[in-house]
Amino acid sequence: MSNYALYYPTIEFRDYSWLWSASLLWDKIYRIVPKDYTPEDPENVRILAEAGDIGVPIHPDNYAKKIAKKFIEKIYSGEWEAAALEFDIDEAYQRIHHDKVDVELRNMIIAKGQTKSHGDWLYVPTEFEALYMTYLAERISCKNNLQLLSDSSAAWTGSTFFKYDGEVQDFPYEDQTQQLATLVIRDFIPNNILEITPESIIKFREKYRDERQRFIQAIRRAAKAISDSDDENIYRDRIEDLKKDIESALSDYRGSMQALNVAGWTGIKSLSFPVVTKVATAISGGTLDTTTLMVISALGVGVGLVSGLTTWKEKRRQLNKDSDYSYLIHLQRNWKHSAMYNNDYNYMLCREMEEFIND
């Protein structure tokens, strides 16, 4: 599979450290841009984009109306049982709950007028604009076999809920056949990422294509191997091989970046995918605890659970295997230690999913 991804949920890239980091990894990064809109990119981003592989526009015109119709049907049918989809967001609510998933998404997307100025391709009530943009990205990525890529955990939460058609619960239970798991990689981004010029990024991408692809593919192979395991003993047998594969690829990837005068490492990368409950139990040590991230590598590799999948069918899971994965990158340096050993990062993902569904 090619390393092609779709950035969401906004048109412009919000975090340039994130963009530089993602550009070190992915072959192509697309974004959803209306035909009549020119992204307001700063010069450094324009230089990077002009090389032709970063910020490649996907026009929503051929998708938006049909996808919006489906979105509205789902909203009003009640099939998607999530608190974030049930009410309008008034100003008082936003002031009190500014950090909630639905508010964060709305503020992120509508603050710049990116949706309201292009209402001709939204086709949805204003109270659902932000969530619709997330749904639109998920549908376009699925139709084109692109990996979803975000710098926002709120957007990741919404797109993951839509990816599994609302068949997501805030907490996994023993009687569910599958759970949603995460594979987490730590410390793969240079601390001085913004000191790297766009010209250097472009040269790195061309010279170290194999190292970039090997690192991404190692992570994907590990996720697929865990997702394909139907027996907890088989999962345990595979863990050591998976760890060695990722460690070797990560070591080569870090080595390739020495040409960029790296001053140290930061960053967390997570990949979510479905697993059967027996394997989920093995991941969580028998408790199905969504707040626990099991550390399997000193270099910074971990596996944890996020939520339960209610009626997700095995046949459907197999048919959609390649497009099940979704990616998230965070750069906060204060998570360098807590994310893997005190479980703050995995807990954050679990809490946001619970909040999206219940709060």
Protein backbone atom coordinates (compact mmCIF):
# COMPACT_ATOMS: atom_id res chain seq x y z
CA MET A 1 0.00 0.00 0.00
CA SER A 2 1.29 3.46 -0.88
CA ASN A 3 1.88 5.97 1.89
CA TYR A 4 -0.89 8.32 0.79
CA ALA A 5 -2.89 10.19 3.42
CA LEU A 6 -5.73 12.71 3.69
CA TYR A 7 -5.30 15.55 6.18
CA TYR A 8 -8.42 16.70 8.03
CA PRO A 9 -10.54 18.39 9.34
CA THR A 10 -9.46 21.87 8.15
CA ILE A 11 -8.29 23.22 4.78
CA GLU A 12 -5.24 25.09 6.03
CA PHE A 13 -2.69 23.23 8.13
CA ARG A 14 -3.05 24.52 11.68
CA ASP A 15 0.20 23.29 13.21
CA TYR A 16 3.34 23.75 11.14
CA SER A 17 5.46 21.59 13.44
CA TRP A 18 2.95 18.82 12.80
CA LEU A 19 3.02 19.41 9.04
CA TRP A 20 6.83 19.32 8.91
CA SER A 21 6.78 16.07 10.92
CA ALA A 22 4.12 14.46 8.72
CA SER A 23 6.03 15.54 5.61
CA LEU A 24 9.06 13.61 6.82
CA LEU A 25 6.94 10.44 6.73
CA TRP A 26 4.22 10.39 4.09
CA ASP A 27 4.66 10.18 0.30
CA LYS A 28 1.58 12.31 -0.38
CA ILE A 29 -0.68 14.34 1.90
CA TYR A 30 -3.98 15.43 0.38
CA ARG A 31 -6.46 17.95 1.79
CA ILE A 32 -10.05 18.84 0.94
CA VAL A 33 -10.19 22.18 -0.92
CA PRO A 34 -13.20 23.62 -2.80
CA LYS A 35 -12.49 24.53 -6.42
CA ASP A 36 -13.11 28.22 -5.82
CA TYR A 37 -10.88 28.49 -2.77
CA THR A 38 -7.14 29.18 -2.52
CA PRO A 39 -5.61 28.02 0.79
CA GLU A 40 -4.08 30.80 2.86
CA ASP A 41 -0.68 29.15 3.30
CA PRO A 42 2.42 30.97 4.56
CA GLU A 43 5.47 31.04 2.30
CA ASN A 44 7.22 28.02 3.85
CA VAL A 45 4.11 25.85 3.37
CA ARG A 46 3.71 27.11 -0.20
CA ILE A 47 7.31 26.11 -0.98
CA LEU A 48 6.67 22.65 0.42
CA ALA A 49 3.34 22.31 -1.40
CA GLU A 50 4.73 23.47 -4.74
CA ALA A 51 6.89 20.34 -4.86
CA GLY A 52 3.62 18.57 -5.62
CA ASP A 53 3.20 16.02 -2.83
CA ILE A 54 2.11 17.96 0.26
CA GLY A 55 -1.26 19.68 0.52
CA VAL A 56 -2.50 18.19 -2.76
CA PRO A 57 -6.11 19.42 -3.20
CA ILE A 58 -9.05 17.04 -3.42
CA HIS A 59 -12.13 18.91 -4.63
CA PRO A 60 -15.22 17.89 -2.65
CA ASP A 61 -17.71 18.80 -5.39
CA ASN A 62 -18.07 15.23 -6.65
CA TYR A 63 -18.64 13.89 -3.13
CA ALA A 64 -20.28 16.53 -0.96
CA LYS A 65 -23.95 16.43 -1.93
CA LYS A 66 -24.30 12.64 -1.81
CA ILE A 67 -22.29 12.32 1.38
CA ALA A 68 -24.20 15.19 3.01
CA LYS A 69 -27.51 13.46 2.22
CA LYS A 70 -26.28 10.28 3.91
CA PHE A 71 -24.98 12.26 6.86
CA ILE A 72 -28.31 14.02 7.43
CA GLU A 73 -30.22 10.74 7.08
CA LYS A 74 -28.03 9.19 9.77
CA ILE A 75 -28.32 12.21 12.05
CA TYR A 76 -32.11 12.26 12.01
CA SER A 77 -32.61 8.49 11.99
CA GLY A 78 -31.14 8.18 15.48
CA GLU A 79 -28.80 5.36 14.37
CA TRP A 80 -25.80 7.30 15.61
CA GLU A 81 -26.26 7.46 19.36
CA ALA A 82 -23.75 10.09 20.39
CA ALA A 83 -24.24 13.14 22.57
CA ALA A 84 -22.03 15.23 20.28
CA LEU A 85 -24.62 14.80 17.50
CA GLU A 86 -27.73 15.64 19.48
CA PHE A 87 -27.75 19.36 20.16
CA ASP A 88 -26.86 22.77 18.88
CA ILE A 89 -23.87 24.50 20.45
CA ASP A 90 -24.87 27.85 21.88
CA GLU A 91 -22.44 30.49 23.12
CA ALA A 92 -22.99 29.71 26.79
CA TYR A 93 -22.25 26.04 26.26
CA GLN A 94 -19.10 26.89 24.30
CA ARG A 95 -17.81 29.16 27.07
CA ILE A 96 -18.34 26.51 29.74
CA HIS A 97 -17.24 23.49 27.71
CA HIS A 98 -14.63 24.93 25.35
CA ASP A 99 -12.47 21.80 25.61
CA LYS A 100 -15.19 19.27 24.69
CA VAL A 101 -14.85 17.40 21.41
CA ASP A 102 -17.87 18.91 19.68
CA VAL A 103 -16.98 22.46 20.71
CA GLU A 104 -13.32 22.04 19.79
CA LEU A 105 -14.22 20.78 16.33
CA ARG A 106 -16.70 23.59 15.75
CA ASN A 107 -14.27 26.28 16.88
CA MET A 108 -11.45 24.75 14.86
CA ILE A 109 -13.33 24.67 11.58
CA ILE A 110 -15.74 27.60 11.74
CA ALA A 111 -13.38 30.11 13.40
CA LYS A 112 -11.76 30.95 10.06
CA GLY A 113 -15.05 30.86 8.18
CA GLN A 114 -13.80 27.87 6.22
CA THR A 115 -17.19 26.22 6.09
CA LYS A 116 -19.60 29.16 6.15
CA SER A 117 -17.85 30.81 3.24
CA HIS A 118 -18.36 27.65 1.18
CA GLY A 119 -21.92 26.78 2.10
CA ASP A 120 -22.66 25.77 -1.50
CA TRP A 121 -20.97 22.42 -0.93
CA LEU A 122 -21.96 21.71 2.68
CA TYR A 123 -25.67 20.97 2.31
CA VAL A 124 -26.10 20.52 6.08
CA PRO A 125 -27.56 22.58 8.95
CA THR A 126 -25.01 24.93 10.52
CA GLU A 127 -25.09 23.12 13.88
CA PHE A 128 -23.57 20.06 12.18
CA GLU A 129 -21.07 21.76 9.88
CA ALA A 130 -17.97 20.85 11.87
CA LEU A 131 -18.93 17.21 12.36
CA TYR A 132 -19.96 16.94 8.73
CA MET A 133 -16.49 18.06 7.64
CA THR A 134 -15.05 15.22 9.69
CA TYR A 135 -17.53 12.75 8.17
CA LEU A 136 -16.79 14.05 4.66
CA ALA A 137 -13.06 13.45 5.16
CA GLU A 138 -13.69 9.92 6.45
CA ARG A 139 -15.90 9.05 3.46
CA ILE A 140 -13.49 10.52 0.88
CA SER A 141 -10.56 8.68 2.45
CA CYS A 142 -12.48 5.40 2.34
CA LYS A 143 -13.52 5.84 -1.30
CA ASN A 144 -9.92 6.54 -2.33
CA ASN A 145 -8.11 4.20 0.07
CA LEU A 146 -6.28 7.07 1.76
CA GLN A 147 -5.13 6.97 5.36
CA LEU A 148 -6.78 9.63 7.51
CA LEU A 149 -4.18 11.87 9.12
CA SER A 150 -4.92 14.51 11.74
CA ASP A 151 -3.26 16.82 14.25
CA SER A 152 -6.46 16.93 16.32
CA SER A 153 -7.57 14.23 18.75
CA ALA A 154 -11.10 15.69 18.60
CA ALA A 155 -11.20 15.16 14.84
CA TRP A 156 -9.77 11.66 15.26
CA THR A 157 -12.54 10.87 17.76
CA GLY A 158 -15.29 11.99 15.39
CA SER A 159 -13.87 10.28 12.30
CA THR A 160 -13.33 7.03 14.22
CA PHE A 161 -16.96 7.07 15.37
CA PHE A 162 -18.08 7.59 11.75
CA LYS A 163 -15.61 5.02 10.39
CA TYR A 164 -17.39 2.28 12.34
CA ASP A 165 -20.83 3.72 11.53
CA GLY A 166 -21.52 4.62 15.15
CA GLU A 167 -20.95 1.07 16.35
CA VAL A 168 -18.55 2.34 18.99
CA GLN A 169 -19.07 2.26 22.74
CA ASP A 170 -17.22 4.28 25.31
CA PHE A 171 -15.95 1.16 27.08
CA PRO A 172 -15.26 -2.40 25.88
CA TYR A 173 -17.17 -5.34 27.34
CA GLU A 174 -16.43 -9.04 27.39
CA ASP A 175 -19.50 -9.93 25.31
CA GLN A 176 -18.43 -7.74 22.41
CA THR A 177 -16.66 -9.56 19.61
CA GLN A 178 -14.19 -6.77 18.82
CA GLN A 179 -12.52 -3.76 20.39
CA LEU A 180 -10.72 -0.71 19.09
CA ALA A 181 -7.00 -0.76 19.87
CA THR A 182 -4.11 1.66 19.38
CA LEU A 183 -0.47 1.16 18.51
CA VAL A 184 1.66 4.04 19.81
CA ILE A 185 5.17 5.03 18.70
CA ARG A 186 7.16 7.61 20.67
CA ASP A 187 10.10 9.91 19.92
CA PHE A 188 10.45 9.90 16.14
CA ILE A 189 10.26 13.67 15.44
CA PRO A 190 13.26 16.06 15.70
CA ASN A 191 12.98 18.53 18.59
CA ASN A 192 14.16 21.27 16.27
CA ILE A 193 11.69 20.39 13.52
CA LEU A 194 10.81 24.01 12.69
CA GLU A 195 14.47 24.87 12.13
CA ILE A 196 14.45 22.59 9.10
CA THR A 197 13.82 24.52 5.87
CA PRO A 198 11.17 23.38 3.39
CA GLU A 199 13.92 22.88 0.83
CA SER A 200 15.69 20.48 3.22
CA ILE A 201 12.42 18.63 3.82
CA ILE A 202 11.97 18.16 0.08
CA LYS A 203 15.53 16.84 -0.35
CA PHE A 204 15.10 14.49 2.60
CA ARG A 205 11.86 13.13 1.17
CA GLU A 206 13.56 12.34 -2.13
CA LYS A 207 16.78 10.87 -0.71
CA TYR A 208 15.32 8.79 2.12
CA ARG A 209 12.11 7.54 0.55
CA ASP A 210 12.92 3.90 1.40
CA GLU A 211 13.59 4.66 5.07
CA ARG A 212 10.37 6.67 5.35
CA GLN A 213 8.32 3.94 3.71
CA ARG A 214 9.91 1.18 5.76
CA PHE A 215 9.04 2.95 9.01
CA ILE A 216 5.40 3.48 8.00
CA GLN A 217 5.08 -0.06 6.68
CA ALA A 218 6.58 -1.55 9.86
CA ILE A 219 3.92 0.21 11.93
CA ARG A 220 1.20 -0.90 9.54
CA ARG A 221 2.46 -4.51 9.53
CA ALA A 222 2.40 -4.57 13.31
CA ALA A 223 -1.16 -3.24 13.42
CA LYS A 224 -2.31 -5.72 10.77
CA ALA A 225 -0.66 -8.66 12.53
CA ILE A 226 -2.37 -7.76 15.81
CA SER A 227 -5.68 -7.14 14.05
CA ASP A 228 -5.42 -10.48 12.22
CA SER A 229 -4.74 -12.44 15.41
CA ASP A 230 -7.77 -14.38 16.65
CA ASP A 231 -6.00 -16.06 19.55
CA GLU A 232 -4.31 -14.35 22.49
CA ASN A 233 -1.43 -16.85 22.46
CA ILE A 234 -0.71 -16.09 18.81
CA TYR A 235 -0.78 -12.39 19.62
CA ARG A 236 1.74 -12.87 22.44
CA ASP A 237 3.99 -14.90 20.16
CA ARG A 238 3.97 -12.13 17.57
CA ILE A 239 4.71 -9.24 19.91
CA GLU A 240 8.47 -9.77 20.08
CA ASP A 241 8.79 -9.99 16.29
CA LEU A 242 6.64 -6.89 15.87
CA LYS A 243 8.72 -5.00 18.40
CA LYS A 244 11.97 -5.89 16.65
CA ASP A 245 10.56 -4.95 13.26
CA ILE A 246 9.42 -1.52 14.43
CA GLU A 247 12.59 -0.89 16.44
CA SER A 248 14.78 -1.70 13.43
CA ALA A 249 12.74 0.51 11.10
CA LEU A 250 12.65 3.32 13.67
CA SER A 251 16.40 3.10 14.16
CA ASP A 252 17.01 3.37 10.40
CA TYR A 253 14.53 6.23 10.13
CA ARG A 254 16.19 8.16 12.93
CA GLY A 255 19.57 7.50 11.34
CA SER A 256 18.42 8.96 8.04
CA MET A 257 17.42 12.18 9.80
CA GLN A 258 20.89 12.83 11.15
CA ALA A 259 21.46 14.66 7.89
CA LEU A 260 18.98 17.24 9.21
CA ASN A 261 21.12 18.00 12.30
CA VAL A 262 18.60 16.57 14.75
CA ALA A 263 18.93 17.96 18.28
CA GLY A 264 16.83 15.29 20.02
CA TRP A 265 13.52 13.50 19.68
CA THR A 266 9.91 14.15 20.57
CA GLY A 267 6.42 13.29 19.32
CA ILE A 268 3.83 10.56 19.60
CA LYS A 269 2.27 8.72 16.68
CA SER A 270 -0.76 6.50 17.13
CA LEU A 271 -2.55 4.14 14.79
CA SER A 272 -5.98 2.68 15.60
CA PHE A 273 -7.41 -0.61 14.36
CA PRO A 274 -9.92 -3.33 15.40
CA VAL A 275 -8.96 -6.43 17.39
CA VAL A 276 -10.97 -9.41 18.59
CA THR A 277 -11.88 -9.43 22.27
CA LYS A 278 -9.56 -12.34 23.16
CA VAL A 279 -6.59 -10.35 21.87
CA ALA A 280 -7.90 -7.18 23.53
CA THR A 281 -7.94 -9.03 26.84
CA ALA A 282 -4.31 -10.05 26.32
CA ILE A 283 -3.37 -6.46 25.45
CA SER A 284 -4.95 -5.11 28.62
CA GLY A 285 -3.75 -7.85 30.94
CA GLY A 286 -7.15 -9.47 31.32
CA THR A 287 -9.10 -6.43 32.54
CA LEU A 288 -10.16 -4.70 29.28
CA ASP A 289 -8.93 -1.49 30.84
CA THR A 290 -9.01 1.27 28.23
CA THR A 291 -6.74 3.55 30.24
CA THR A 292 -3.77 1.19 30.20
CA LEU A 293 -1.08 1.33 27.54
CA MET A 294 1.16 -1.73 27.61
CA VAL A 295 4.79 -0.79 26.94
CA ILE A 296 6.46 -3.38 24.72
CA SER A 297 9.64 -1.55 23.76
CA ALA A 298 12.27 0.58 25.46
CA LEU A 299 12.44 2.68 22.29
CA GLY A 300 8.84 3.73 22.78
CA VAL A 301 6.29 1.28 21.36
CA GLY A 302 3.04 0.51 23.16
CA VAL A 303 -0.36 -1.11 22.61
CA GLY A 304 -3.61 -0.12 24.34
CA LEU A 305 -7.40 -0.16 24.03
CA VAL A 306 -9.63 2.80 23.26
CA SER A 307 -13.22 1.53 23.12
CA GLY A 308 -15.57 -1.29 22.24
CA LEU A 309 -17.21 -2.08 18.90
CA THR A 310 -20.82 -3.15 19.30
CA THR A 311 -21.97 -5.11 16.25
CA TRP A 312 -19.04 -4.71 13.86
CA LYS A 313 -19.11 -7.85 11.72
CA GLU A 314 -16.11 -10.08 11.03
CA LYS A 315 -16.80 -10.25 7.30
CA ARG A 316 -17.08 -6.50 7.08
CA ARG A 317 -13.87 -6.07 9.07
CA GLN A 318 -11.98 -8.29 6.61
CA LEU A 319 -13.37 -6.46 3.57
CA ASN A 320 -12.37 -3.09 5.01
CA LYS A 321 -9.06 -4.14 6.52
CA ASP A 322 -6.79 -1.83 4.53
CA SER A 323 -8.86 1.28 5.18
CA ASP A 324 -9.55 0.59 8.86
CA TYR A 325 -6.40 2.26 10.10
CA SER A 326 -6.43 5.89 11.18
CA TYR A 327 -3.44 7.95 12.26
CA LEU A 328 -2.82 10.73 14.74
CA ILE A 329 0.36 12.66 15.54
CA HIS A 330 0.99 14.76 18.65
CA LEU A 331 4.07 16.81 19.40
CA GLN A 332 3.65 17.89 23.02
CA ARG A 333 6.99 17.36 24.71
CA ASN A 334 5.46 17.02 28.16
CA TRP A 335 4.06 13.66 27.03
CA LYS A 336 7.52 12.28 26.34
CA HIS A 337 7.52 10.23 29.53
CA SER A 338 3.93 10.25 30.75
CA ALA A 339 2.47 8.93 27.51
CA MET A 340 4.11 5.55 27.74
CA TYR A 341 4.52 5.00 31.44
CA ASN A 342 1.70 6.86 33.17
CA ASN A 343 -0.84 6.25 30.40
CA ASP A 344 -1.91 9.89 30.00
CA TYR A 345 -1.98 9.72 26.20
CA ASN A 346 -4.09 6.58 25.92
CA TYR A 347 -6.37 7.86 28.66
CA MET A 348 -6.89 11.08 26.71
CA LEU A 349 -8.06 9.16 23.61
CA CYS A 350 -10.37 6.98 25.72
CA ARG A 351 -11.82 9.95 27.56
CA GLU A 352 -12.51 11.87 24.35
CA MET A 353 -14.32 8.90 22.83
CA GLU A 354 -16.41 8.54 25.99
CA GLU A 355 -17.16 12.27 25.93
CA PHE A 356 -18.20 12.19 22.27
CA ILE A 357 -20.68 9.39 22.97
CA ASN A 358 -22.04 10.28 26.41
CA ASP A 359 -21.32 13.78 27.69
